[in-house]
Amino acid sequence: MSDDKNTQLIKTFKNMIQDFGMPRTPADIADPDFRSAAAAHIDEFDEARSECESDLTLR
């Protein structure tokens, strides 16, 4: 996947995390579409989750 697509996917996951809450793992996600996307793109999901945690820490 290209860097642009990775960046876009990370932004999408960050928005979904903000909408659905901060899951620890994809298994903790109630929404089936979000859960399957996170499981399919675990590296990007982990990066988005890490960025969201950093954003919360900086506030």
N, C-alpha and C. Protein backbone atom coordinates (compact mmCIF):
# COMPACT_ATOMS: atom_id res chain seq x y z
N MET A 1 0.86 -1.17 0.00
CA MET A 1 0.00 0.00 0.00
C MET A 1 0.90 1.24 0.00
N SER A 2 0.51 2.25 -0.75
CA SER A 2 1.33 3.46 -0.81
C SER A 2 1.23 4.26 0.48
N ASP A 3 2.20 5.16 0.67
CA ASP A 3 2.20 6.00 1.87
C ASP A 3 0.94 6.85 1.95
N ASP A 4 0.48 7.36 0.81
CA ASP A 4 -0.74 8.18 0.82
C ASP A 4 -1.95 7.37 1.29
N LYS A 5 -2.05 6.14 0.83
CA LYS A 5 -3.17 5.29 1.24
C LYS A 5 -3.04 4.92 2.72
N ASN A 6 -1.83 4.66 3.18
CA ASN A 6 -1.62 4.37 4.60
C ASN A 6 -2.02 5.55 5.45
N THR A 7 -1.58 6.74 5.04
CA THR A 7 -1.91 7.96 5.79
C THR A 7 -3.41 8.18 5.81
N GLN A 8 -4.08 7.96 4.69
CA GLN A 8 -5.53 8.13 4.62
C GLN A 8 -6.23 7.11 5.51
N LEU A 9 -5.75 5.87 5.51
CA LEU A 9 -6.35 4.83 6.34
C LEU A 9 -6.16 5.14 7.82
N ILE A 10 -4.99 5.63 8.19
CA ILE A 10 -4.74 6.01 9.59
C ILE A 10 -5.68 7.13 10.01
N LYS A 11 -5.87 8.12 9.15
CA LYS A 11 -6.81 9.22 9.46
C LYS A 11 -8.22 8.69 9.62
N THR A 12 -8.61 7.76 8.75
CA THR A 12 -9.95 7.17 8.85
C THR A 12 -10.11 6.43 10.17
N PHE A 13 -9.11 5.62 10.54
CA PHE A 13 -9.17 4.91 11.82
C PHE A 13 -9.22 5.89 12.99
N LYS A 14 -8.45 6.98 12.93
CA LYS A 14 -8.49 7.96 14.01
C LYS A 14 -9.89 8.53 14.16
N ASN A 15 -10.55 8.84 13.05
CA ASN A 15 -11.93 9.35 13.11
C ASN A 15 -12.87 8.31 13.69
N MET A 16 -12.69 7.05 13.30
CA MET A 16 -13.56 5.99 13.82
C MET A 16 -13.32 5.78 15.31
N ILE A 17 -12.07 5.86 15.74
CA ILE A 17 -11.77 5.73 17.17
C ILE A 17 -12.42 6.87 17.94
N GLN A 18 -12.38 8.07 17.40
CA GLN A 18 -13.03 9.21 18.06
C GLN A 18 -14.54 9.00 18.12
N ASP A 19 -15.13 8.40 17.08
CA ASP A 19 -16.58 8.17 17.05
C ASP A 19 -17.01 7.00 17.94
N PHE A 20 -16.21 5.92 17.96
CA PHE A 20 -16.62 4.69 18.63
C PHE A 20 -15.94 4.45 19.97
N GLY A 21 -14.94 5.24 20.32
CA GLY A 21 -14.21 5.03 21.55
C GLY A 21 -12.88 4.35 21.29
N MET A 22 -12.06 4.25 22.33
CA MET A 22 -10.69 3.75 22.22
C MET A 22 -10.63 2.25 22.53
N PRO A 23 -10.71 1.41 21.50
CA PRO A 23 -10.59 -0.04 21.73
C PRO A 23 -9.14 -0.45 21.94
N ARG A 24 -8.91 -1.46 22.74
CA ARG A 24 -7.54 -1.98 22.93
C ARG A 24 -7.11 -2.83 21.74
N THR A 25 -8.03 -3.61 21.23
CA THR A 25 -7.76 -4.50 20.09
C THR A 25 -8.97 -4.47 19.16
N PRO A 26 -8.82 -4.93 17.93
CA PRO A 26 -9.99 -5.00 17.04
C PRO A 26 -11.12 -5.84 17.63
N ALA A 27 -10.81 -6.85 18.43
CA ALA A 27 -11.85 -7.69 19.03
C ALA A 27 -12.75 -6.90 19.98
N ASP A 28 -12.26 -5.75 20.49
CA ASP A 28 -13.04 -4.92 21.40
C ASP A 28 -14.01 -3.98 20.68
N ILE A 29 -13.98 -3.97 19.36
CA ILE A 29 -14.80 -3.05 18.57
C ILE A 29 -16.16 -3.67 18.32
N ALA A 30 -17.22 -2.96 18.68
CA ALA A 30 -18.59 -3.48 18.52
C ALA A 30 -19.07 -3.41 17.07
N ASP A 31 -18.70 -2.35 16.36
CA ASP A 31 -19.15 -2.18 14.98
C ASP A 31 -18.44 -3.20 14.08
N PRO A 32 -19.20 -4.06 13.39
CA PRO A 32 -18.57 -5.13 12.61
C PRO A 32 -17.72 -4.62 11.43
N ASP A 33 -18.12 -3.54 10.78
CA ASP A 33 -17.33 -3.01 9.67
C ASP A 33 -16.01 -2.43 10.16
N PHE A 34 -16.06 -1.69 11.24
CA PHE A 34 -14.85 -1.12 11.84
C PHE A 34 -13.92 -2.23 12.32
N ARG A 35 -14.51 -3.25 12.98
CA ARG A 35 -13.72 -4.37 13.50
C ARG A 35 -13.00 -5.11 12.37
N SER A 36 -13.70 -5.40 11.29
CA SER A 36 -13.06 -6.15 10.19
C SER A 36 -12.00 -5.31 9.49
N ALA A 37 -12.23 -4.01 9.33
CA ALA A 37 -11.22 -3.14 8.72
C ALA A 37 -9.98 -3.05 9.61
N ALA A 38 -10.18 -2.93 10.90
CA ALA A 38 -9.05 -2.84 11.83
C ALA A 38 -8.25 -4.14 11.83
N ALA A 39 -8.94 -5.26 11.79
CA ALA A 39 -8.25 -6.55 11.77
C ALA A 39 -7.48 -6.75 10.47
N ALA A 40 -8.03 -6.26 9.37
CA ALA A 40 -7.38 -6.42 8.07
C ALA A 40 -6.16 -5.50 7.91
N HIS A 41 -6.17 -4.39 8.64
CA HIS A 41 -5.09 -3.39 8.53
C HIS A 41 -4.56 -3.08 9.93
N ILE A 42 -4.10 -4.09 10.61
CA ILE A 42 -3.72 -3.97 12.03
C ILE A 42 -2.61 -2.95 12.26
N ASP A 43 -1.63 -2.86 11.37
CA ASP A 43 -0.54 -1.90 11.57
C ASP A 43 -1.05 -0.47 11.54
N GLU A 44 -1.92 -0.18 10.59
CA GLU A 44 -2.48 1.17 10.49
C GLU A 44 -3.41 1.46 11.68
N PHE A 45 -4.17 0.43 12.10
CA PHE A 45 -5.04 0.59 13.27
C PHE A 45 -4.21 0.90 14.51
N ASP A 46 -3.13 0.15 14.69
CA ASP A 46 -2.25 0.38 15.86
C ASP A 46 -1.64 1.78 15.82
N GLU A 47 -1.24 2.22 14.64
CA GLU A 47 -0.67 3.57 14.50
C GLU A 47 -1.72 4.63 14.84
N ALA A 48 -2.93 4.47 14.34
CA ALA A 48 -4.00 5.42 14.63
C ALA A 48 -4.32 5.45 16.12
N ARG A 49 -4.37 4.27 16.73
CA ARG A 49 -4.65 4.18 18.16
C ARG A 49 -3.55 4.87 18.96
N SER A 50 -2.32 4.66 18.57
CA SER A 50 -1.18 5.29 19.23
C SER A 50 -1.25 6.81 19.11
N GLU A 51 -1.58 7.29 17.91
CA GLU A 51 -1.71 8.74 17.71
C GLU A 51 -2.84 9.33 18.55
N CYS A 52 -3.95 8.60 18.66
CA CYS A 52 -5.06 9.08 19.50
C CYS A 52 -4.66 9.12 20.97
N GLU A 53 -3.92 8.12 21.42
CA GLU A 53 -3.44 8.12 22.80
C GLU A 53 -2.49 9.29 23.05
N SER A 54 -1.62 9.57 22.10
CA SER A 54 -0.71 10.71 22.22
C SER A 54 -1.48 12.03 22.26
N ASP A 55 -2.50 12.13 21.41
CA ASP A 55 -3.32 13.35 21.41
C ASP A 55 -3.99 13.56 22.77
N LEU A 56 -4.46 12.47 23.38
CA LEU A 56 -5.11 12.58 24.69
C LEU A 56 -4.10 12.97 25.77
N THR A 57 -2.90 12.45 25.66
CA THR A 57 -1.85 12.74 26.65
C THR A 57 -1.44 14.22 26.59
N LEU A 58 -1.43 14.77 25.39
CA LEU A 58 -0.98 16.16 25.21
C LEU A 58 -2.01 17.18 25.66
N ARG A 59 -3.24 16.76 25.86
CA ARG A 59 -4.30 17.71 26.26
C ARG A 59 -4.20 18.05 27.70
